[in-house]
Full PDB file with SEQRES, HELIX, SHEET, SSBOND, CRYST1, ORIGX, SCALE, CONECT and MASTER records, all heavy atoms in Angstrom:
SEQRES   1 A   40  SER PRO LEU GLU GLY GLY ALA ALA GLY LEU VAL TYR THR          
SEQRES   2 A   40  PRO SER VAL SER ASP ILE ARG ILE ILE ASP ASN ILE ALA          
SEQRES   3 A   40  LYS THR SER PHE LYS ASP ASP LEU TYR LYS LYS VAL GLN          
SEQRES   4 A   40  ALA                                                          
HELIX    1 AA1 VAL A   16  ILE A   25  1                                  10    
HELIX    2 AA2 ALA A   26  PHE A   30  3                                   5    
HELIX    3 AA3 LYS A   31  GLN A   39  1                                   9    
CRYST1    1.000    1.000    1.000  90.00  90.00  90.00 P 1           1          
ORIGX1      1.000000  0.000000  0.000000        0.00000                         
ORIGX2      0.000000  1.000000  0.000000        0.00000                         
ORIGX3      0.000000  0.000000  1.000000        0.00000                         
SCALE1      1.000000  0.000000  0.000000        0.00000                         
SCALE2      0.000000  1.000000  0.000000        0.00000                         
SCALE3      0.000000  0.000000  1.000000        0.00000                         
ATOM      1  N   SER A   1       0.851  -1.191   0.000  1.00  0.00           N  
ATOM      2  CA  SER A   1       0.000   0.000   0.000  1.00  0.00           C  
ATOM      3  C   SER A   1       0.885   1.238   0.000  1.00  0.00           C  
ATOM      4  O   SER A   1       1.985   1.223   0.569  1.00  0.00           O  
ATOM      5  CB  SER A   1      -0.922   0.003   1.226  1.00  0.00           C  
ATOM      6  OG  SER A   1      -0.186   0.117   2.416  1.00  0.00           O  
ATOM      7  N   PRO A   2       0.454   2.329  -0.646  1.00  0.00           N  
ATOM      8  CA  PRO A   2       1.308   3.520  -0.788  1.00  0.00           C  
ATOM      9  C   PRO A   2       1.736   4.102   0.567  1.00  0.00           C  
ATOM     10  O   PRO A   2       1.020   3.997   1.567  1.00  0.00           O  
ATOM     11  CB  PRO A   2       0.419   4.501  -1.549  1.00  0.00           C  
ATOM     12  CG  PRO A   2      -0.604   3.658  -2.227  1.00  0.00           C  
ATOM     13  CD  PRO A   2      -0.840   2.491  -1.320  1.00  0.00           C  
ATOM     14  N   LEU A   3       2.885   4.712   0.552  1.00  0.00           N  
ATOM     15  CA  LEU A   3       3.376   5.428   1.731  1.00  0.00           C  
ATOM     16  C   LEU A   3       2.757   6.817   1.729  1.00  0.00           C  
ATOM     17  O   LEU A   3       2.796   7.533   0.732  1.00  0.00           O  
ATOM     18  CB  LEU A   3       4.906   5.514   1.690  1.00  0.00           C  
ATOM     19  CG  LEU A   3       5.605   4.171   1.933  1.00  0.00           C  
ATOM     20  CD1 LEU A   3       6.936   4.129   1.226  1.00  0.00           C  
ATOM     21  CD2 LEU A   3       5.774   3.934   3.415  1.00  0.00           C  
ATOM     22  N   GLU A   4       2.168   7.189   2.860  1.00  0.00           N  
ATOM     23  CA  GLU A   4       1.475   8.466   2.915  1.00  0.00           C  
ATOM     24  C   GLU A   4       1.447   8.986   4.353  1.00  0.00           C  
ATOM     25  O   GLU A   4       1.765   8.259   5.305  1.00  0.00           O  
ATOM     26  CB  GLU A   4       0.036   8.331   2.378  1.00  0.00           C  
ATOM     27  CG  GLU A   4      -0.765   7.265   3.071  1.00  0.00           C  
ATOM     28  CD  GLU A   4      -2.110   6.991   2.416  1.00  0.00           C  
ATOM     29  OE1 GLU A   4      -2.320   7.396   1.264  1.00  0.00           O  
ATOM     30  OE2 GLU A   4      -2.963   6.367   3.086  1.00  0.00           O  
ATOM     31  N   GLY A   5       1.035  10.238   4.481  1.00  0.00           N  
ATOM     32  CA  GLY A   5       0.892  10.834   5.816  1.00  0.00           C  
ATOM     33  C   GLY A   5       2.097  11.591   6.310  1.00  0.00           C  
ATOM     34  O   GLY A   5       2.043  12.226   7.372  1.00  0.00           O  
ATOM     35  N   GLY A   6       3.190  11.543   5.576  1.00  0.00           N  
ATOM     36  CA  GLY A   6       4.388  12.265   6.024  1.00  0.00           C  
ATOM     37  C   GLY A   6       4.195  13.767   5.905  1.00  0.00           C  
ATOM     38  O   GLY A   6       3.698  14.255   4.879  1.00  0.00           O  
ATOM     39  N   ALA A   7       4.551  14.493   6.926  1.00  0.00           N  
ATOM     40  CA  ALA A   7       4.416  15.952   6.901  1.00  0.00           C  
ATOM     41  C   ALA A   7       5.336  16.573   7.950  1.00  0.00           C  
ATOM     42  O   ALA A   7       5.645  15.956   8.975  1.00  0.00           O  
ATOM     43  CB  ALA A   7       2.972  16.354   7.157  1.00  0.00           C  
ATOM     44  N   ALA A   8       5.736  17.817   7.678  1.00  0.00           N  
ATOM     45  CA  ALA A   8       6.586  18.561   8.625  1.00  0.00           C  
ATOM     46  C   ALA A   8       6.309  20.038   8.456  1.00  0.00           C  
ATOM     47  O   ALA A   8       6.119  20.530   7.344  1.00  0.00           O  
ATOM     48  CB  ALA A   8       8.052  18.244   8.384  1.00  0.00           C  
ATOM     49  N   GLY A   9       6.228  20.765   9.583  1.00  0.00           N  
ATOM     50  CA  GLY A   9       5.973  22.184   9.528  1.00  0.00           C  
ATOM     51  C   GLY A   9       4.500  22.502   9.691  1.00  0.00           C  
ATOM     52  O   GLY A   9       3.703  21.713  10.225  1.00  0.00           O  
ATOM     53  N   LEU A  10       4.080  23.685   9.185  1.00  0.00           N  
ATOM     54  CA  LEU A  10       2.692  24.120   9.298  1.00  0.00           C  
ATOM     55  C   LEU A  10       1.854  23.460   8.203  1.00  0.00           C  
ATOM     56  O   LEU A  10       2.115  23.640   7.017  1.00  0.00           O  
ATOM     57  CB  LEU A  10       2.599  25.636   9.175  1.00  0.00           C  
ATOM     58  CG  LEU A  10       1.194  26.234   9.313  1.00  0.00           C  
ATOM     59  CD1 LEU A  10       0.628  25.968  10.699  1.00  0.00           C  
ATOM     60  CD2 LEU A  10       1.224  27.718   8.994  1.00  0.00           C  
ATOM     61  N   VAL A  11       0.853  22.739   8.628  1.00  0.00           N  
ATOM     62  CA  VAL A  11      -0.040  22.046   7.684  1.00  0.00           C  
ATOM     63  C   VAL A  11      -1.477  22.241   8.143  1.00  0.00           C  
ATOM     64  O   VAL A  11      -1.736  22.723   9.252  1.00  0.00           O  
ATOM     65  CB  VAL A  11       0.284  20.542   7.604  1.00  0.00           C  
ATOM     66  CG1 VAL A  11       1.680  20.296   7.047  1.00  0.00           C  
ATOM     67  CG2 VAL A  11       0.108  19.890   8.978  1.00  0.00           C  
ATOM     68  N   TYR A  12      -2.404  21.829   7.294  1.00  0.00           N  
ATOM     69  CA  TYR A  12      -3.827  21.850   7.632  1.00  0.00           C  
ATOM     70  C   TYR A  12      -4.287  20.413   7.880  1.00  0.00           C  
ATOM     71  O   TYR A  12      -3.965  19.501   7.112  1.00  0.00           O  
ATOM     72  CB  TYR A  12      -4.644  22.485   6.521  1.00  0.00           C  
ATOM     73  CG  TYR A  12      -4.428  23.964   6.386  1.00  0.00           C  
ATOM     74  CD1 TYR A  12      -3.420  24.462   5.559  1.00  0.00           C  
ATOM     75  CD2 TYR A  12      -5.218  24.860   7.100  1.00  0.00           C  
ATOM     76  CE1 TYR A  12      -3.223  25.824   5.441  1.00  0.00           C  
ATOM     77  CE2 TYR A  12      -5.018  26.229   6.984  1.00  0.00           C  
ATOM     78  CZ  TYR A  12      -4.021  26.709   6.162  1.00  0.00           C  
ATOM     79  OH  TYR A  12      -3.807  28.059   6.053  1.00  0.00           O  
ATOM     80  N   THR A  13      -5.055  20.237   8.942  1.00  0.00           N  
ATOM     81  CA  THR A  13      -5.587  18.916   9.295  1.00  0.00           C  
ATOM     82  C   THR A  13      -7.099  19.016   9.463  1.00  0.00           C  
ATOM     83  O   THR A  13      -7.642  20.115   9.681  1.00  0.00           O  
ATOM     84  CB  THR A  13      -4.962  18.403  10.597  1.00  0.00           C  
ATOM     85  OG1 THR A  13      -5.324  19.281  11.669  1.00  0.00           O  
ATOM     86  CG2 THR A  13      -3.456  18.316  10.479  1.00  0.00           C  
ATOM     87  N   PRO A  14      -7.824  17.883   9.415  1.00  0.00           N  
ATOM     88  CA  PRO A  14      -9.285  17.932   9.574  1.00  0.00           C  
ATOM     89  C   PRO A  14      -9.683  18.300  10.996  1.00  0.00           C  
ATOM     90  O   PRO A  14      -9.175  17.730  11.965  1.00  0.00           O  
ATOM     91  CB  PRO A  14      -9.721  16.509   9.233  1.00  0.00           C  
ATOM     92  CG  PRO A  14      -8.587  15.908   8.510  1.00  0.00           C  
ATOM     93  CD  PRO A  14      -7.349  16.543   9.053  1.00  0.00           C  
ATOM     94  N   SER A  15     -10.597  19.235  11.104  1.00  0.00           N  
ATOM     95  CA  SER A  15     -11.191  19.566  12.395  1.00  0.00           C  
ATOM     96  C   SER A  15     -12.362  18.619  12.663  1.00  0.00           C  
ATOM     97  O   SER A  15     -12.693  17.762  11.827  1.00  0.00           O  
ATOM     98  CB  SER A  15     -11.675  21.012  12.388  1.00  0.00           C  
ATOM     99  OG  SER A  15     -12.711  21.166  11.437  1.00  0.00           O  
ATOM    100  N   VAL A  16     -13.016  18.784  13.795  1.00  0.00           N  
ATOM    101  CA  VAL A  16     -14.177  17.943  14.120  1.00  0.00           C  
ATOM    102  C   VAL A  16     -15.277  18.133  13.084  1.00  0.00           C  
ATOM    103  O   VAL A  16     -15.908  17.174  12.628  1.00  0.00           O  
ATOM    104  CB  VAL A  16     -14.690  18.273  15.537  1.00  0.00           C  
ATOM    105  CG1 VAL A  16     -15.961  17.489  15.830  1.00  0.00           C  
ATOM    106  CG2 VAL A  16     -13.633  17.956  16.585  1.00  0.00           C  
ATOM    107  N   SER A  17     -15.520  19.378  12.684  1.00  0.00           N  
ATOM    108  CA  SER A  17     -16.545  19.645  11.677  1.00  0.00           C  
ATOM    109  C   SER A  17     -16.125  19.087  10.318  1.00  0.00           C  
ATOM    110  O   SER A  17     -16.987  18.602   9.549  1.00  0.00           O  
ATOM    111  CB  SER A  17     -16.825  21.137  11.578  1.00  0.00           C  
ATOM    112  OG  SER A  17     -15.655  21.841  11.187  1.00  0.00           O  
ATOM    113  N   ASP A  18     -14.825  19.112  10.019  1.00  0.00           N  
ATOM    114  CA  ASP A  18     -14.345  18.531   8.755  1.00  0.00           C  
ATOM    115  C   ASP A  18     -14.565  17.022   8.724  1.00  0.00           C  
ATOM    116  O   ASP A  18     -14.937  16.456   7.692  1.00  0.00           O  
ATOM    117  CB  ASP A  18     -12.861  18.845   8.561  1.00  0.00           C  
ATOM    118  CG  ASP A  18     -12.581  20.330   8.424  1.00  0.00           C  
ATOM    119  OD1 ASP A  18     -13.519  21.059   8.047  1.00  0.00           O  
ATOM    120  OD2 ASP A  18     -11.433  20.751   8.683  1.00  0.00           O  
ATOM    121  N   ILE A  19     -14.353  16.386   9.862  1.00  0.00           N  
ATOM    122  CA  ILE A  19     -14.559  14.932   9.954  1.00  0.00           C  
ATOM    123  C   ILE A  19     -16.029  14.593   9.711  1.00  0.00           C  
ATOM    124  O   ILE A  19     -16.344  13.598   9.046  1.00  0.00           O  
ATOM    125  CB  ILE A  19     -14.104  14.399  11.332  1.00  0.00           C  
ATOM    126  CG1 ILE A  19     -12.576  14.534  11.489  1.00  0.00           C  
ATOM    127  CG2 ILE A  19     -14.533  12.950  11.509  1.00  0.00           C  
ATOM    128  CD1 ILE A  19     -11.783  13.695  10.510  1.00  0.00           C  
ATOM    129  N   ARG A  20     -16.937  15.433  10.226  1.00  0.00           N  
ATOM    130  CA  ARG A  20     -18.372  15.192   9.992  1.00  0.00           C  
ATOM    131  C   ARG A  20     -18.709  15.315   8.510  1.00  0.00           C  
ATOM    132  O   ARG A  20     -19.523  14.547   7.979  1.00  0.00           O  
ATOM    133  CB  ARG A  20     -19.211  16.163  10.825  1.00  0.00           C  
ATOM    134  CG  ARG A  20     -19.283  15.802  12.298  1.00  0.00           C  
ATOM    135  CD  ARG A  20     -20.460  16.506  12.975  1.00  0.00           C  
ATOM    136  NE  ARG A  20     -20.268  17.952  13.003  1.00  0.00           N  
ATOM    137  CZ  ARG A  20     -19.752  18.608  14.049  1.00  0.00           C  
ATOM    138  NH1 ARG A  20     -19.358  17.942  15.122  1.00  0.00           N  
ATOM    139  NH2 ARG A  20     -19.633  19.927  14.010  1.00  0.00           N  
ATOM    140  N   ILE A  21     -18.091  16.265   7.846  1.00  0.00           N  
ATOM    141  CA  ILE A  21     -18.323  16.434   6.403  1.00  0.00           C  
ATOM    142  C   ILE A  21     -17.824  15.216   5.632  1.00  0.00           C  
ATOM    143  O   ILE A  21     -18.509  14.700   4.733  1.00  0.00           O  
ATOM    144  CB  ILE A  21     -17.629  17.717   5.909  1.00  0.00           C  
ATOM    145  CG1 ILE A  21     -18.314  18.953   6.495  1.00  0.00           C  
ATOM    146  CG2 ILE A  21     -17.660  17.773   4.372  1.00  0.00           C  
ATOM    147  CD1 ILE A  21     -17.594  20.253   6.193  1.00  0.00           C  
ATOM    148  N   ILE A  22     -16.626  14.756   5.996  1.00  0.00           N  
ATOM    149  CA  ILE A  22     -16.069  13.558   5.331  1.00  0.00           C  
ATOM    150  C   ILE A  22     -16.962  12.350   5.590  1.00  0.00           C  
ATOM    151  O   ILE A  22     -17.223  11.539   4.690  1.00  0.00           O  
ATOM    152  CB  ILE A  22     -14.634  13.304   5.826  1.00  0.00           C  
ATOM    153  CG1 ILE A  22     -13.724  14.458   5.402  1.00  0.00           C  
ATOM    154  CG2 ILE A  22     -14.108  11.980   5.282  1.00  0.00           C  
ATOM    155  CD1 ILE A  22     -12.331  14.406   6.013  1.00  0.00           C  
ATOM    156  N   ASP A  23     -17.452  12.228   6.831  1.00  0.00           N  
ATOM    157  CA  ASP A  23     -18.334  11.111   7.180  1.00  0.00           C  
ATOM    158  C   ASP A  23     -19.621  11.156   6.362  1.00  0.00           C  
ATOM    159  O   ASP A  23     -20.110  10.124   5.887  1.00  0.00           O  
ATOM    160  CB  ASP A  23     -18.645  11.165   8.676  1.00  0.00           C  
ATOM    161  CG  ASP A  23     -19.499   9.996   9.132  1.00  0.00           C  
ATOM    162  OD1 ASP A  23     -18.978   8.869   9.176  1.00  0.00           O  
ATOM    163  OD2 ASP A  23     -20.693  10.215   9.415  1.00  0.00           O  
ATOM    164  N   ASN A  24     -20.167  12.352   6.188  1.00  0.00           N  
ATOM    165  CA  ASN A  24     -21.396  12.501   5.399  1.00  0.00           C  
ATOM    166  C   ASN A  24     -21.164  12.144   3.934  1.00  0.00           C  
ATOM    167  O   ASN A  24     -21.996  11.492   3.297  1.00  0.00           O  
ATOM    168  CB  ASN A  24     -21.909  13.936   5.528  1.00  0.00           C  
ATOM    169  CG  ASN A  24     -23.224  14.139   4.802  1.00  0.00           C  
ATOM    170  OD1 ASN A  24     -24.227  13.502   5.117  1.00  0.00           O  
ATOM    171  ND2 ASN A  24     -23.217  15.016   3.803  1.00  0.00           N  
ATOM    172  N   ILE A  25     -20.019  12.565   3.392  1.00  0.00           N  
ATOM    173  CA  ILE A  25     -19.680  12.226   1.995  1.00  0.00           C  
ATOM    174  C   ILE A  25     -19.585  10.714   1.824  1.00  0.00           C  
ATOM    175  O   ILE A  25     -20.111  10.133   0.863  1.00  0.00           O  
ATOM    176  CB  ILE A  25     -18.366  12.907   1.581  1.00  0.00           C  
ATOM    177  CG1 ILE A  25     -18.546  14.425   1.509  1.00  0.00           C  
ATOM    178  CG2 ILE A  25     -17.881  12.363   0.238  1.00  0.00           C  
ATOM    179  CD1 ILE A  25     -17.265  15.182   1.276  1.00  0.00           C  
ATOM    180  N   ALA A  26     -18.921  10.063   2.774  1.00  0.00           N  
ATOM    181  CA  ALA A  26     -18.714   8.611   2.679  1.00  0.00           C  
ATOM    182  C   ALA A  26     -20.031   7.848   2.762  1.00  0.00           C  
ATOM    183  O   ALA A  26     -20.255   6.880   2.019  1.00  0.00           O  
ATOM    184  CB  ALA A  26     -17.764   8.150   3.789  1.00  0.00           C  
ATOM    185  N   LYS A  27     -20.943   8.298   3.651  1.00  0.00           N  
ATOM    186  CA  LYS A  27     -22.173   7.542   3.892  1.00  0.00           C  
ATOM    187  C   LYS A  27     -23.307   7.898   2.926  1.00  0.00           C  
ATOM    188  O   LYS A  27     -24.374   7.274   2.989  1.00  0.00           O  
ATOM    189  CB  LYS A  27     -22.644   7.780   5.325  1.00  0.00           C  
ATOM    190  CG  LYS A  27     -21.721   7.155   6.362  1.00  0.00           C  
ATOM    191  CD  LYS A  27     -22.234   7.393   7.780  1.00  0.00           C  
ATOM    192  CE  LYS A  27     -21.343   6.711   8.808  1.00  0.00           C  
ATOM    193  NZ  LYS A  27     -21.806   6.946  10.197  1.00  0.00           N  
ATOM    194  N   THR A  28     -23.091   8.888   2.080  1.00  0.00           N  
ATOM    195  CA  THR A  28     -24.126   9.263   1.109  1.00  0.00           C  
ATOM    196  C   THR A  28     -23.666   8.955  -0.314  1.00  0.00           C  
ATOM    197  O   THR A  28     -23.977   7.889  -0.852  1.00  0.00           O  
ATOM    198  CB  THR A  28     -24.497  10.742   1.255  1.00  0.00           C  
ATOM    199  OG1 THR A  28     -23.314  11.547   1.146  1.00  0.00           O  
ATOM    200  CG2 THR A  28     -25.162  11.006   2.597  1.00  0.00           C  
ATOM    201  N   SER A  29     -22.947   9.878  -0.907  1.00  0.00           N  
ATOM    202  CA  SER A  29     -22.579   9.716  -2.318  1.00  0.00           C  
ATOM    203  C   SER A  29     -21.705   8.495  -2.558  1.00  0.00           C  
ATOM    204  O   SER A  29     -21.915   7.743  -3.516  1.00  0.00           O  
ATOM    205  CB  SER A  29     -21.876  10.976  -2.826  1.00  0.00           C  
ATOM    206  OG  SER A  29     -20.681  11.207  -2.117  1.00  0.00           O  
ATOM    207  N   PHE A  30     -20.723   8.264  -1.687  1.00  0.00           N  
ATOM    208  CA  PHE A  30     -19.835   7.118  -1.888  1.00  0.00           C  
ATOM    209  C   PHE A  30     -20.583   5.801  -1.697  1.00  0.00           C  
ATOM    210  O   PHE A  30     -20.461   4.861  -2.491  1.00  0.00           O  
ATOM    211  CB  PHE A  30     -18.639   7.225  -0.929  1.00  0.00           C  
ATOM    212  CG  PHE A  30     -17.594   6.173  -1.145  1.00  0.00           C  
ATOM    213  CD1 PHE A  30     -17.308   5.682  -2.410  1.00  0.00           C  
ATOM    214  CD2 PHE A  30     -16.874   5.671  -0.072  1.00  0.00           C  
ATOM    215  CE1 PHE A  30     -16.332   4.721  -2.614  1.00  0.00           C  
ATOM    216  CE2 PHE A  30     -15.897   4.706  -0.259  1.00  0.00           C  
ATOM    217  CZ  PHE A  30     -15.629   4.222  -1.532  1.00  0.00           C  
ATOM    218  N   LYS A  31     -21.387   5.731  -0.629  1.00  0.00           N  
ATOM    219  CA  LYS A  31     -22.180   4.525  -0.384  1.00  0.00           C  
ATOM    220  C   LYS A  31     -23.178   4.283  -1.511  1.00  0.00           C  
ATOM    221  O   LYS A  31     -23.392   3.144  -1.944  1.00  0.00           O  
ATOM    222  CB  LYS A  31     -22.899   4.645   0.952  1.00  0.00           C  
ATOM    223  CG  LYS A  31     -23.743   3.434   1.313  1.00  0.00           C  
ATOM    224  CD  LYS A  31     -24.460   3.655   2.631  1.00  0.00           C  
ATOM    225  CE  LYS A  31     -25.371   2.486   2.963  1.00  0.00           C  
ATOM    226  NZ  LYS A  31     -26.104   2.705   4.237  1.00  0.00           N  
ATOM    227  N   ASP A  32     -23.815   5.352  -1.986  1.00  0.00           N  
ATOM    228  CA  ASP A  32     -24.786   5.219  -3.079  1.00  0.00           C  
ATOM    229  C   ASP A  32     -24.126   4.685  -4.340  1.00  0.00           C  
ATOM    230  O   ASP A  32     -24.737   3.883  -5.075  1.00  0.00           O  
ATOM    231  CB  ASP A  32     -25.444   6.573  -3.369  1.00  0.00           C  
ATOM    232  CG  ASP A  32     -26.373   7.014  -2.254  1.00  0.00           C  
ATOM    233  OD1 ASP A  32     -26.763   6.161  -1.443  1.00  0.00           O  
ATOM    234  OD2 ASP A  32     -26.699   8.221  -2.202  1.00  0.00           O  
ATOM    235  N   ASP A  33     -22.907   5.120  -4.611  1.00  0.00           N  
ATOM    236  CA  ASP A  33     -22.184   4.617  -5.783  1.00  0.00           C  
ATOM    237  C   ASP A  33     -21.958   3.110  -5.682  1.00  0.00           C  
ATOM    238  O   ASP A  33     -22.140   2.367  -6.657  1.00  0.00           O  
ATOM    239  CB  ASP A  33     -20.847   5.335  -5.935  1.00  0.00           C  
ATOM    240  CG  ASP A  33     -21.011   6.794  -6.342  1.00  0.00           C  
ATOM    241  OD1 ASP A  33     -22.099   7.152  -6.825  1.00  0.00           O  
ATOM    242  OD2 ASP A  33     -20.050   7.574  -6.165  1.00  0.00           O  
ATOM    243  N   LEU A  34     -21.580   2.656  -4.492  1.00  0.00           N  
ATOM    244  CA  LEU A  34     -21.376   1.216  -4.298  1.00  0.00           C  
ATOM    245  C   LEU A  34     -22.694   0.455  -4.400  1.00  0.00           C  
ATOM    246  O   LEU A  34     -22.755  -0.636  -4.979  1.00  0.00           O  
ATOM    247  CB  LEU A  34     -20.732   0.961  -2.930  1.00  0.00           C  
ATOM    248  CG  LEU A  34     -19.248   1.311  -2.792  1.00  0.00           C  
ATOM    249  CD1 LEU A  34     -18.789   1.110  -1.350  1.00  0.00           C  
ATOM    250  CD2 LEU A  34     -18.396   0.471  -3.731  1.00  0.00           C  
ATOM    251  N   TYR A  35     -23.765   1.045  -3.848  1.00  0.00           N  
ATOM    252  CA  TYR A  35     -25.071   0.382  -3.876  1.00  0.00           C  
ATOM    253  C   TYR A  35     -25.567   0.201  -5.311  1.00  0.00           C  
ATOM    254  O   TYR A  35     -26.147  -0.838  -5.652  1.00  0.00           O  
ATOM    255  CB  TYR A  35     -26.071   1.193  -3.067  1.00  0.00           C  
ATOM    256  CG  TYR A  35     -27.444   0.561  -2.970  1.00  0.00           C  
ATOM    257  CD1 TYR A  35     -27.646  -0.609  -2.250  1.00  0.00           C  
ATOM    258  CD2 TYR A  35     -28.540   1.130  -3.614  1.00  0.00           C  
ATOM    259  CE1 TYR A  35     -28.892  -1.198  -2.169  1.00  0.00           C  
ATOM    260  CE2 TYR A  35     -29.795   0.559  -3.537  1.00  0.00           C  
ATOM    261  CZ  TYR A  35     -29.968  -0.609  -2.808  1.00  0.00           C  
ATOM    262  OH  TYR A  35     -31.208  -1.197  -2.733  1.00  0.00           O  
ATOM    263  N   LYS A  36     -25.335   1.196  -6.161  1.00  0.00           N  
ATOM    264  CA  LYS A  36     -25.743   1.090  -7.567  1.00  0.00           C  
ATOM    265  C   LYS A  36     -24.995  -0.036  -8.273  1.00  0.00           C  
ATOM    266  O   LYS A  36     -25.559  -0.734  -9.124  1.00  0.00           O  
ATOM    267  CB  LYS A  36     -25.511   2.415  -8.276  1.00  0.00           C  
ATOM    268  CG  LYS A  36     -26.478   3.518  -7.852  1.00  0.00           C  
ATOM    269  CD  LYS A  36     -26.148   4.837  -8.520  1.00  0.00           C  
ATOM    270  CE  LYS A  36     -27.101   5.946  -8.053  1.00  0.00           C  
ATOM    271  NZ  LYS A  36     -26.745   7.254  -8.654  1.00  0.00           N  
ATOM    272  N   LYS A  37     -23.730  -0.214  -7.924  1.00  0.00           N  
ATOM    273  CA  LYS A  37     -22.959  -1.315  -8.508  1.00  0.00           C  
ATOM    274  C   LYS A  37     -23.530  -2.660  -8.077  1.00  0.00           C  
ATOM    275  O   LYS A  37     -23.590  -3.603  -8.876  1.00  0.00           O  
ATOM    276  CB  LYS A  37     -21.493  -1.204  -8.094  1.00  0.00           C  
ATOM    277  CG  LYS A  37     -20.744  -0.041  -8.736  1.00  0.00           C  
ATOM    278  CD  LYS A  37     -19.282  -0.055  -8.337  1.00  0.00           C  
ATOM    279  CE  LYS A  37     -18.522   1.087  -9.018  1.00  0.00           C  
ATOM    280  NZ  LYS A  37     -17.077   1.092  -8.654  1.00  0.00           N  
ATOM    281  N   VAL A  38     -23.937  -2.750  -6.814  1.00  0.00           N  
ATOM    282  CA  VAL A  38     -24.526  -4.001  -6.329  1.00  0.00           C  
ATOM    283  C   VAL A  38     -25.857  -4.266  -7.035  1.00  0.00           C  
ATOM    284  O   VAL A  38     -26.130  -5.390  -7.461  1.00  0.00           O  
ATOM    285  CB  VAL A  38     -24.731  -3.944  -4.799  1.00  0.00           C  
ATOM    286  CG1 VAL A  38     -25.482  -5.180  -4.309  1.00  0.00           C  
ATOM    287  CG2 VAL A  38     -23.384  -3.834  -4.095  1.00  0.00           C  
ATOM    288  N   GLN A  39     -26.695  -3.236  -7.149  1.00  0.00           N  
ATOM    289  CA  GLN A  39     -27.989  -3.398  -7.822  1.00  0.00           C  
ATOM    290  C   GLN A  39     -27.829  -3.933  -9.237  1.00  0.00           C  
ATOM    291  O   GLN A  39     -28.624  -4.765  -9.696  1.00  0.00           O  
ATOM    292  CB  GLN A  39     -28.731  -2.060  -7.866  1.00  0.00           C  
ATOM    293  CG  GLN A  39     -29.448  -1.679  -6.579  1.00  0.00           C  
ATOM    294  CD  GLN A  39     -30.233  -0.400  -6.732  1.00  0.00           C  
ATOM    295  OE1 GLN A  39     -29.728   0.601  -7.246  1.00  0.00           O  
ATOM    296  NE2 GLN A  39     -31.483  -0.399  -6.298  1.00  0.00           N  
ATOM    297  N   ALA A  40     -26.829  -3.459  -9.938  1.00  0.00           N  
ATOM    298  CA  ALA A  40     -26.603  -3.898 -11.321  1.00  0.00           C  
ATOM    299  C   ALA A  40     -26.110  -5.335 -11.394  1.00  0.00           C  
ATOM    300  O   ALA A  40     -26.125  -5.933 -12.475  1.00  0.00           O  
ATOM    301  CB  ALA A  40     -25.604  -2.966 -11.998  1.00  0.00           C  
TER     302      ALA A  40                                                      
MASTER        0    0    0    3    0    0    0    6  301    1    0    4          
END                                                                             
């Protein structure tokens, strides 16, 4: 699996509200895309 996550210095990270947005994206549009594949 790719190497990732390395960082040094000033960076931007997900806040609590950002995590909720990511969670909503995953459980709606991403999940729906997978569900359509299963239906087919």
